[in-house]
Amino acid sequence: MNAEAGPLLQLERVTMQFGGLKAVAELDLRIERGELVGLIGPNGAGKTTVFNVITGVYAPTSGRVLLEGSPIGGLKPNVIARRGITRTFQNIRLFASRCCRDNVLIAEHAHARARLVDALLRTPRFAEDEHDMRRRADEMLELLGLTPWADTPASELPYGQQRRLEIARALAGQPRLLLLDEPAAGLNPQETAQLMHLIQDLRGRFGLTILLIEHDMRVVMGICGRIAVLDYGVKIAEGGPEQIRSDPKVIEAYLGEEVPAS
């Protein structure tokens, strides 16, 4: 089968069970190339568990995770990352004592061309590889507006810039599918608006497919073309922003009232 003919990512009846608790129950989800899809629901709905299954942190209890039609469920996270799926985290996970450039370079090394022997012998191939990775890291920092902090330890960045650094590091992994876990958490309204423009710009610039978890409904409704809603691990609705905004089951389970148009 031609990989280009099917979805980029497909979850088929994926279940993730911890003891007697089904964190995700028989989830079906298709993500086409170039889509920006939102995944929403109350706290504890299973959203981050879905991310962990996709990225190999958990092997699904049952069901299949397919990347371009090939099963990836149960593969190690580093293998899945090299196949083109990277992510950010709800709770920021940076190398706090390392500078911004180093944080991005660490992710760049997953795609290094030089081998261990090149590094040990400091061959021209190693030197060229290091130069190219540093150049790409600096370009990524510039794109994310982080050049002034390139040599600053990640722990000393303002919170909003730490969020941007996480995105820069995920992009350095050269993804085709980028998973963003609550990227607007803790941001003020101005930073949130800038983030919305940034996500849309990155999607177009790199030809990305994006799956987004977010509680800020203005972000979700403003940039996502399609939205899936989880409640207690079960998908209760899926559709465009207008459809989700007015869905009675979604309003009852999560929104509480219709979300105003952005």
C-alpha atoms as a PDB file:
ATOM      1  CA  MET A   1       0.000   0.000   0.000  1.00  0.00           C
ATOM      2  CA  ASN A   2       1.193   3.496  -0.811  1.00  0.00           C
ATOM      3  CA  ALA A   3       1.942   5.203   2.534  1.00  0.00           C
ATOM      4  CA  GLU A   4       0.924   8.546   1.075  1.00  0.00           C
ATOM      5  CA  ALA A   5      -2.593   7.231   0.422  1.00  0.00           C
ATOM      6  CA  GLY A   6      -3.509   6.711   4.093  1.00  0.00           C
ATOM      7  CA  PRO A   7      -3.443   8.893   7.207  1.00  0.00           C
ATOM      8  CA  LEU A   8      -0.127   9.895   8.728  1.00  0.00           C
ATOM      9  CA  LEU A   9      -1.187   8.512  12.121  1.00  0.00           C
ATOM     10  CA  GLN A  10      -3.998   6.165  12.973  1.00  0.00           C
ATOM     11  CA  LEU A  11      -5.134   4.788  16.326  1.00  0.00           C
ATOM     12  CA  GLU A  12      -7.343   1.721  16.004  1.00  0.00           C
ATOM     13  CA  ARG A  13      -9.367   0.739  19.094  1.00  0.00           C
ATOM     14  CA  VAL A  14      -6.449   1.698  21.352  1.00  0.00           C
ATOM     15  CA  THR A  15      -6.929   0.817  25.007  1.00  0.00           C
ATOM     16  CA  MET A  16      -4.511   1.665  27.818  1.00  0.00           C
ATOM     17  CA  GLN A  17      -5.331  -0.047  31.078  1.00  0.00           C
ATOM     18  CA  PHE A  18      -3.604   0.309  34.442  1.00  0.00           C
ATOM     19  CA  GLY A  19      -4.890  -2.446  36.701  1.00  0.00           C
ATOM     20  CA  GLY A  20      -8.655  -2.041  36.762  1.00  0.00           C
ATOM     21  CA  LEU A  21      -8.539   1.503  35.337  1.00  0.00           C
ATOM     22  CA  LYS A  22      -8.987   2.116  31.631  1.00  0.00           C
ATOM     23  CA  ALA A  23      -7.237   5.429  31.059  1.00  0.00           C
ATOM     24  CA  VAL A  24      -8.050   5.162  27.333  1.00  0.00           C
ATOM     25  CA  ALA A  25     -10.798   2.904  26.003  1.00  0.00           C
ATOM     26  CA  GLU A  26     -10.998   1.660  22.397  1.00  0.00           C
ATOM     27  CA  LEU A  27      -9.940   4.978  20.911  1.00  0.00           C
ATOM     28  CA  ASP A  28     -10.145   5.452  17.155  1.00  0.00           C
ATOM     29  CA  LEU A  29      -8.384   8.523  15.766  1.00  0.00           C
ATOM     30  CA  ARG A  30      -7.084   9.389  12.297  1.00  0.00           C
ATOM     31  CA  ILE A  31      -4.716  12.280  11.645  1.00  0.00           C
ATOM     32  CA  GLU A  32      -4.143  13.240   8.025  1.00  0.00           C
ATOM     33  CA  ARG A  33      -0.976  14.887   6.746  1.00  0.00           C
ATOM     34  CA  GLY A  34      -0.932  18.619   7.363  1.00  0.00           C
ATOM     35  CA  GLU A  35      -3.806  18.626   9.856  1.00  0.00           C
ATOM     36  CA  LEU A  36      -3.849  20.560  13.115  1.00  0.00           C
ATOM     37  CA  VAL A  37      -6.015  18.463  15.434  1.00  0.00           C
ATOM     38  CA  GLY A  38      -7.049  19.315  18.986  1.00  0.00           C
ATOM     39  CA  LEU A  39      -7.483  16.735  21.748  1.00  0.00           C
ATOM     40  CA  ILE A  40      -9.505  18.096  24.649  1.00  0.00           C
ATOM     41  CA  GLY A  41     -11.364  16.912  27.721  1.00  0.00           C
ATOM     42  CA  PRO A  42     -11.500  17.299  31.515  1.00  0.00           C
ATOM     43  CA  ASN A  43      -8.491  16.628  33.723  1.00  0.00           C
ATOM     44  CA  GLY A  44      -7.984  12.880  33.935  1.00  0.00           C
ATOM     45  CA  ALA A  45      -9.729  12.260  30.617  1.00  0.00           C
ATOM     46  CA  GLY A  46      -6.726  10.348  29.239  1.00  0.00           C
ATOM     47  CA  LYS A  47      -5.274  12.968  26.886  1.00  0.00           C
ATOM     48  CA  THR A  48      -1.652  12.771  28.021  1.00  0.00           C
ATOM     49  CA  THR A  49      -1.957   8.982  28.184  1.00  0.00           C
ATOM     50  CA  VAL A  50      -2.788   9.079  24.468  1.00  0.00           C
ATOM     51  CA  PHE A  51       0.411  11.072  23.864  1.00  0.00           C
ATOM     52  CA  ASN A  52       2.389   8.567  25.943  1.00  0.00           C
ATOM     53  CA  VAL A  53       1.018   5.660  23.900  1.00  0.00           C
ATOM     54  CA  ILE A  54       1.777   7.395  20.586  1.00  0.00           C
ATOM     55  CA  THR A  55       5.350   8.223  21.630  1.00  0.00           C
ATOM     56  CA  GLY A  56       6.173   4.822  23.106  1.00  0.00           C
ATOM     57  CA  VAL A  57       6.199   5.695  26.804  1.00  0.00           C
ATOM     58  CA  TYR A  58       3.448   3.082  27.157  1.00  0.00           C
ATOM     59  CA  ALA A  59       2.721   0.072  24.986  1.00  0.00           C
ATOM     60  CA  PRO A  60      -1.041  -0.052  24.446  1.00  0.00           C
ATOM     61  CA  THR A  61      -2.899  -2.777  26.308  1.00  0.00           C
ATOM     62  CA  SER A  62      -4.766  -3.499  23.086  1.00  0.00           C
ATOM     63  CA  GLY A  63      -5.369  -1.904  19.711  1.00  0.00           C
ATOM     64  CA  ARG A  64      -2.924  -0.578  17.141  1.00  0.00           C
ATOM     65  CA  VAL A  65      -0.954   2.627  16.605  1.00  0.00           C
ATOM     66  CA  LEU A  66       0.038   3.060  12.960  1.00  0.00           C
ATOM     67  CA  LEU A  67       2.436   5.568  11.437  1.00  0.00           C
ATOM     68  CA  GLU A  68       1.941   5.654   7.661  1.00  0.00           C
ATOM     69  CA  GLY A  69       0.290   2.250   7.948  1.00  0.00           C
ATOM     70  CA  SER A  70       3.158   0.633   9.885  1.00  0.00           C
ATOM     71  CA  PRO A  71       2.615  -0.445  13.520  1.00  0.00           C
ATOM     72  CA  ILE A  72       4.637   1.522  16.065  1.00  0.00           C
ATOM     73  CA  GLY A  73       2.829   0.558  19.278  1.00  0.00           C
ATOM     74  CA  GLY A  74       5.326  -0.744  21.806  1.00  0.00           C
ATOM     75  CA  LEU A  75       8.421   0.605  20.043  1.00  0.00           C
ATOM     76  CA  LYS A  76      10.890   2.517  22.205  1.00  0.00           C
ATOM     77  CA  PRO A  77      10.444   6.313  22.409  1.00  0.00           C
ATOM     78  CA  ASN A  78      13.803   7.022  20.723  1.00  0.00           C
ATOM     79  CA  VAL A  79      12.878   4.790  17.784  1.00  0.00           C
ATOM     80  CA  ILE A  80       9.505   6.505  17.379  1.00  0.00           C
ATOM     81  CA  ALA A  81      11.185   9.917  17.600  1.00  0.00           C
ATOM     82  CA  ARG A  82      13.593   8.983  14.803  1.00  0.00           C
ATOM     83  CA  ARG A  83      10.610   7.934  12.701  1.00  0.00           C
ATOM     84  CA  GLY A  84       9.262  11.463  12.926  1.00  0.00           C
ATOM     85  CA  ILE A  85       7.121  11.958  16.049  1.00  0.00           C
ATOM     86  CA  THR A  86       8.314  14.411  18.704  1.00  0.00           C
ATOM     87  CA  ARG A  87       6.535  16.135  21.566  1.00  0.00           C
ATOM     88  CA  THR A  88       6.505  18.747  24.267  1.00  0.00           C
ATOM     89  CA  PHE A  89       5.363  18.073  27.825  1.00  0.00           C
ATOM     90  CA  GLN A  90       2.643  19.483  30.066  1.00  0.00           C
ATOM     91  CA  ASN A  91       5.256  19.928  32.792  1.00  0.00           C
ATOM     92  CA  ILE A  92       8.295  21.530  31.173  1.00  0.00           C
ATOM     93  CA  ARG A  93      11.204  19.096  30.851  1.00  0.00           C
ATOM     94  CA  LEU A  94      14.352  20.972  29.957  1.00  0.00           C
ATOM     95  CA  PHE A  95      17.982  20.470  30.925  1.00  0.00           C
ATOM     96  CA  ALA A  96      17.723  23.282  33.434  1.00  0.00           C
ATOM     97  CA  SER A  97      21.442  23.900  33.986  1.00  0.00           C
ATOM     98  CA  ARG A  98      22.325  23.776  30.282  1.00  0.00           C
ATOM     99  CA  CYS A  99      22.015  26.796  28.020  1.00  0.00           C
ATOM    100  CA  CYS A 100      19.276  27.134  25.420  1.00  0.00           C
ATOM    101  CA  ARG A 101      21.609  26.243  22.564  1.00  0.00           C
ATOM    102  CA  ASP A 102      22.705  23.043  24.322  1.00  0.00           C
ATOM    103  CA  ASN A 103      19.093  22.029  24.929  1.00  0.00           C
ATOM    104  CA  VAL A 104      18.429  22.228  21.205  1.00  0.00           C
ATOM    105  CA  LEU A 105      21.753  20.606  20.270  1.00  0.00           C
ATOM    106  CA  ILE A 106      20.955  17.574  22.423  1.00  0.00           C
ATOM    107  CA  ALA A 107      17.856  17.001  20.307  1.00  0.00           C
ATOM    108  CA  GLU A 108      19.846  17.634  17.112  1.00  0.00           C
ATOM    109  CA  HIS A 109      22.217  14.773  17.973  1.00  0.00           C
ATOM    110  CA  ALA A 110      19.455  12.238  17.339  1.00  0.00           C
ATOM    111  CA  HIS A 111      20.048  12.934  13.636  1.00  0.00           C
ATOM    112  CA  ALA A 112      23.837  13.254  13.733  1.00  0.00           C
ATOM    113  CA  ARG A 113      25.640  11.794  10.721  1.00  0.00           C
ATOM    114  CA  ALA A 114      28.997  11.293  12.424  1.00  0.00           C
ATOM    115  CA  ARG A 115      29.571   7.994  14.232  1.00  0.00           C
ATOM    116  CA  LEU A 116      31.187   7.245  17.585  1.00  0.00           C
ATOM    117  CA  VAL A 117      34.563   6.619  15.990  1.00  0.00           C
ATOM    118  CA  ASP A 118      34.357  10.069  14.331  1.00  0.00           C
ATOM    119  CA  ALA A 119      33.726  11.664  17.724  1.00  0.00           C
ATOM    120  CA  LEU A 120      36.579   9.757  19.372  1.00  0.00           C
ATOM    121  CA  LEU A 121      39.054  10.627  16.619  1.00  0.00           C
ATOM    122  CA  ARG A 122      37.686  14.141  16.036  1.00  0.00           C
ATOM    123  CA  THR A 123      37.558  13.496  12.291  1.00  0.00           C
ATOM    124  CA  PRO A 124      36.645  16.180   9.717  1.00  0.00           C
ATOM    125  CA  ARG A 125      33.252  14.482   9.400  1.00  0.00           C
ATOM    126  CA  PHE A 126      32.670  15.000  13.126  1.00  0.00           C
ATOM    127  CA  ALA A 127      33.729  18.661  12.948  1.00  0.00           C
ATOM    128  CA  GLU A 128      31.452  19.294   9.954  1.00  0.00           C
ATOM    129  CA  ASP A 129      28.526  17.582  11.676  1.00  0.00           C
ATOM    130  CA  GLU A 130      28.995  19.615  14.856  1.00  0.00           C
ATOM    131  CA  HIS A 131      29.175  22.836  12.838  1.00  0.00           C
ATOM    132  CA  ASP A 132      25.988  22.000  10.945  1.00  0.00           C
ATOM    133  CA  MET A 133      24.092  21.084  14.110  1.00  0.00           C
ATOM    134  CA  ARG A 134      25.164  24.284  15.855  1.00  0.00           C
ATOM    135  CA  ARG A 135      24.056  26.302  12.824  1.00  0.00           C
ATOM    136  CA  ARG A 136      20.656  24.570  12.790  1.00  0.00           C
ATOM    137  CA  ALA A 137      20.288  25.058  16.541  1.00  0.00           C
ATOM    138  CA  ASP A 138      20.985  28.779  16.223  1.00  0.00           C
ATOM    139  CA  GLU A 139      18.502  29.021  13.343  1.00  0.00           C
ATOM    140  CA  MET A 140      15.857  27.297  15.480  1.00  0.00           C
ATOM    141  CA  LEU A 141      16.507  29.635  18.397  1.00  0.00           C
ATOM    142  CA  GLU A 142      16.171  32.620  16.077  1.00  0.00           C
ATOM    143  CA  LEU A 143      12.916  31.287  14.651  1.00  0.00           C
ATOM    144  CA  LEU A 144      11.472  30.862  18.139  1.00  0.00           C
ATOM    145  CA  GLY A 145      12.666  34.308  19.246  1.00  0.00           C
ATOM    146  CA  LEU A 146      15.212  32.870  21.666  1.00  0.00           C
ATOM    147  CA  THR A 147      18.489  34.194  20.227  1.00  0.00           C
ATOM    148  CA  PRO A 148      19.010  36.681  23.114  1.00  0.00           C
ATOM    149  CA  TRP A 149      18.945  33.718  25.531  1.00  0.00           C
ATOM    150  CA  ALA A 150      21.088  31.314  23.470  1.00  0.00           C
ATOM    151  CA  ASP A 151      23.812  31.106  26.122  1.00  0.00           C
ATOM    152  CA  THR A 152      21.489  31.451  29.129  1.00  0.00           C
ATOM    153  CA  PRO A 153      20.726  28.418  31.327  1.00  0.00           C
ATOM    154  CA  ALA A 154      17.201  27.192  30.643  1.00  0.00           C
ATOM    155  CA  SER A 155      16.280  27.597  34.319  1.00  0.00           C
ATOM    156  CA  GLU A 156      16.853  31.366  34.076  1.00  0.00           C
ATOM    157  CA  LEU A 157      14.439  31.919  31.182  1.00  0.00           C
ATOM    158  CA  PRO A 158      11.043  33.538  31.752  1.00  0.00           C
ATOM    159  CA  TYR A 159       8.313  30.905  31.821  1.00  0.00           C
ATOM    160  CA  GLY A 160       6.939  31.785  28.392  1.00  0.00           C
ATOM    161  CA  GLN A 161      10.388  31.451  26.843  1.00  0.00           C
ATOM    162  CA  GLN A 162      10.849  28.061  28.475  1.00  0.00           C
ATOM    163  CA  ARG A 163       7.690  26.950  26.670  1.00  0.00           C
ATOM    164  CA  ARG A 164       9.193  28.186  23.406  1.00  0.00           C
ATOM    165  CA  LEU A 165      12.454  26.368  24.120  1.00  0.00           C
ATOM    166  CA  GLU A 166      10.537  23.114  24.544  1.00  0.00           C
ATOM    167  CA  ILE A 167       9.006  23.646  21.115  1.00  0.00           C
ATOM    168  CA  ALA A 168      12.433  24.469  19.642  1.00  0.00           C
ATOM    169  CA  ARG A 169      13.841  21.264  21.063  1.00  0.00           C
ATOM    170  CA  ALA A 170      10.933  19.209  19.698  1.00  0.00           C
ATOM    171  CA  LEU A 171      11.412  20.778  16.253  1.00  0.00           C
ATOM    172  CA  ALA A 172      15.123  19.976  16.356  1.00  0.00           C
ATOM    173  CA  GLY A 173      14.098  16.327  16.244  1.00  0.00           C
ATOM    174  CA  GLN A 174      12.903  16.970  12.666  1.00  0.00           C
ATOM    175  CA  PRO A 175       9.340  15.721  13.208  1.00  0.00           C
ATOM    176  CA  ARG A 176       6.614  15.093  10.692  1.00  0.00           C
ATOM    177  CA  LEU A 177       4.093  14.837  13.535  1.00  0.00           C
ATOM    178  CA  LEU A 178       4.480  17.281  16.436  1.00  0.00           C
ATOM    179  CA  LEU A 179       2.586  16.612  19.680  1.00  0.00           C
ATOM    180  CA  LEU A 180       2.040  19.705  21.836  1.00  0.00           C
ATOM    181  CA  ASP A 181       0.887  19.034  25.411  1.00  0.00           C
ATOM    182  CA  GLU A 182      -0.756  22.188  26.826  1.00  0.00           C
ATOM    183  CA  PRO A 183       1.702  24.666  25.269  1.00  0.00           C
ATOM    184  CA  ALA A 184      -0.366  27.661  26.494  1.00  0.00           C
ATOM    185  CA  ALA A 185      -0.387  26.555  30.142  1.00  0.00           C
ATOM    186  CA  GLY A 186       0.763  29.408  32.376  1.00  0.00           C
ATOM    187  CA  LEU A 187       0.962  31.979  29.573  1.00  0.00           C
ATOM    188  CA  ASN A 188      -0.642  35.408  29.769  1.00  0.00           C
ATOM    189  CA  PRO A 189      -3.147  36.479  27.075  1.00  0.00           C
ATOM    190  CA  GLN A 190      -0.510  38.269  24.974  1.00  0.00           C
ATOM    191  CA  GLU A 191       1.846  35.273  25.095  1.00  0.00           C
ATOM    192  CA  THR A 192      -1.053  32.970  24.233  1.00  0.00           C
ATOM    193  CA  ALA A 193      -1.958  35.033  21.163  1.00  0.00           C
ATOM    194  CA  GLN A 194       1.689  34.978  20.062  1.00  0.00           C
ATOM    195  CA  LEU A 195       1.777  31.211  20.593  1.00  0.00           C
ATOM    196  CA  MET A 196      -1.257  30.715  18.339  1.00  0.00           C
ATOM    197  CA  HIS A 197       0.457  32.623  15.524  1.00  0.00           C
ATOM    198  CA  LEU A 198       3.700  30.725  16.164  1.00  0.00           C
ATOM    199  CA  ILE A 199       2.046  27.294  15.916  1.00  0.00           C
ATOM    200  CA  GLN A 200       0.331  28.216  12.659  1.00  0.00           C
ATOM    201  CA  ASP A 201       3.569  29.639  11.255  1.00  0.00           C
ATOM    202  CA  LEU A 202       5.590  26.546  12.202  1.00  0.00           C
ATOM    203  CA  ARG A 203       2.969  24.275  10.683  1.00  0.00           C
ATOM    204  CA  GLY A 204       3.261  26.026   7.345  1.00  0.00           C
ATOM    205  CA  ARG A 205       7.019  26.583   7.438  1.00  0.00           C
ATOM    206  CA  PHE A 206       7.923  22.950   8.174  1.00  0.00           C
ATOM    207  CA  GLY A 207       4.927  21.204   6.625  1.00  0.00           C
ATOM    208  CA  LEU A 208       4.036  19.793  10.035  1.00  0.00           C
ATOM    209  CA  THR A 209       1.119  17.734  11.170  1.00  0.00           C
ATOM    210  CA  ILE A 210       0.182  18.745  14.733  1.00  0.00           C
ATOM    211  CA  LEU A 211      -1.809  17.099  17.519  1.00  0.00           C
ATOM    212  CA  LEU A 212      -2.533  19.559  20.317  1.00  0.00           C
ATOM    213  CA  ILE A 213      -3.726  19.074  23.889  1.00  0.00           C
ATOM    214  CA  GLU A 214      -4.921  22.354  25.352  1.00  0.00           C
ATOM    215  CA  HIS A 215      -7.353  23.607  28.004  1.00  0.00           C
ATOM    216  CA  ASP A 216      -7.497  27.151  26.639  1.00  0.00           C
ATOM    217  CA  MET A 217     -10.525  26.894  24.363  1.00  0.00           C
ATOM    218  CA  ARG A 218      -9.695  30.102  22.513  1.00  0.00           C
ATOM    219  CA  VAL A 219      -6.480  28.427  21.342  1.00  0.00           C
ATOM    220  CA  VAL A 220      -8.216  25.182  20.405  1.00  0.00           C
ATOM    221  CA  MET A 221     -11.176  26.800  18.657  1.00  0.00           C
ATOM    222  CA  GLY A 222      -8.945  29.407  17.033  1.00  0.00           C
ATOM    223  CA  ILE A 223      -6.367  27.217  15.294  1.00  0.00           C
ATOM    224  CA  CYS A 224      -7.566  23.584  15.171  1.00  0.00           C
ATOM    225  CA  GLY A 225      -9.373  22.362  12.087  1.00  0.00           C
ATOM    226  CA  ARG A 226     -10.711  19.303  13.881  1.00  0.00           C
ATOM    227  CA  ILE A 227     -11.172  18.452  17.545  1.00  0.00           C
ATOM    228  CA  ALA A 228     -11.582  15.139  19.372  1.00  0.00           C
ATOM    229  CA  VAL A 229     -13.055  15.137  22.890  1.00  0.00           C
ATOM    230  CA  LEU A 230     -12.242  12.549  25.560  1.00  0.00           C
ATOM    231  CA  ASP A 231     -14.142  11.895  28.783  1.00  0.00           C
ATOM    232  CA  TYR A 232     -12.938   9.167  31.143  1.00  0.00           C
ATOM    233  CA  GLY A 233     -10.823   7.762  28.333  1.00  0.00           C
ATOM    234  CA  VAL A 234     -13.701   7.497  25.875  1.00  0.00           C
ATOM    235  CA  LYS A 235     -14.047   9.648  22.759  1.00  0.00           C
ATOM    236  CA  ILE A 236     -17.435  11.326  23.098  1.00  0.00           C
ATOM    237  CA  ALA A 237     -17.272  13.688  20.120  1.00  0.00           C
ATOM    238  CA  GLU A 238     -15.200  14.642  17.100  1.00  0.00           C
ATOM    239  CA  GLY A 239     -15.623  17.378  14.514  1.00  0.00           C
ATOM    240  CA  GLY A 240     -14.909  20.980  13.590  1.00  0.00           C
ATOM    241  CA  PRO A 241     -14.842  23.827  16.135  1.00  0.00           C
ATOM    242  CA  GLU A 242     -18.447  24.889  15.531  1.00  0.00           C
ATOM    243  CA  GLN A 243     -19.705  21.336  15.902  1.00  0.00           C
ATOM    244  CA  ILE A 244     -17.748  20.758  19.127  1.00  0.00           C
ATOM    245  CA  ARG A 245     -18.693  24.137  20.574  1.00  0.00           C
ATOM    246  CA  SER A 246     -22.383  23.307  20.403  1.00  0.00           C
ATOM    247  CA  ASP A 247     -22.311  19.546  21.075  1.00  0.00           C
ATOM    248  CA  PRO A 248     -24.547  18.835  24.121  1.00  0.00           C
ATOM    249  CA  LYS A 249     -22.365  15.932  25.327  1.00  0.00           C
ATOM    250  CA  VAL A 250     -19.236  18.100  25.204  1.00  0.00           C
ATOM    251  CA  ILE A 251     -20.947  20.990  26.966  1.00  0.00           C
ATOM    252  CA  GLU A 252     -22.152  18.685  29.741  1.00  0.00           C
ATOM    253  CA  ALA A 253     -18.852  16.841  30.179  1.00  0.00           C
ATOM    254  CA  TYR A 254     -16.359  19.641  29.721  1.00  0.00           C
ATOM    255  CA  LEU A 255     -17.259  23.085  28.437  1.00  0.00           C
ATOM    256  CA  GLY A 256     -20.105  23.847  30.828  1.00  0.00           C
ATOM    257  CA  GLU A 257     -21.482  26.330  28.357  1.00  0.00           C
ATOM    258  CA  GLU A 258     -20.989  27.142  24.705  1.00  0.00           C
ATOM    259  CA  VAL A 259     -17.589  28.645  24.016  1.00  0.00           C
ATOM    260  CA  PRO A 260     -17.860  32.114  22.450  1.00  0.00           C
ATOM    261  CA  ALA A 261     -16.562  32.414  18.924  1.00  0.00           C
ATOM    262  CA  SER A 262     -12.947  33.579  18.814  1.00  0.00           C
END
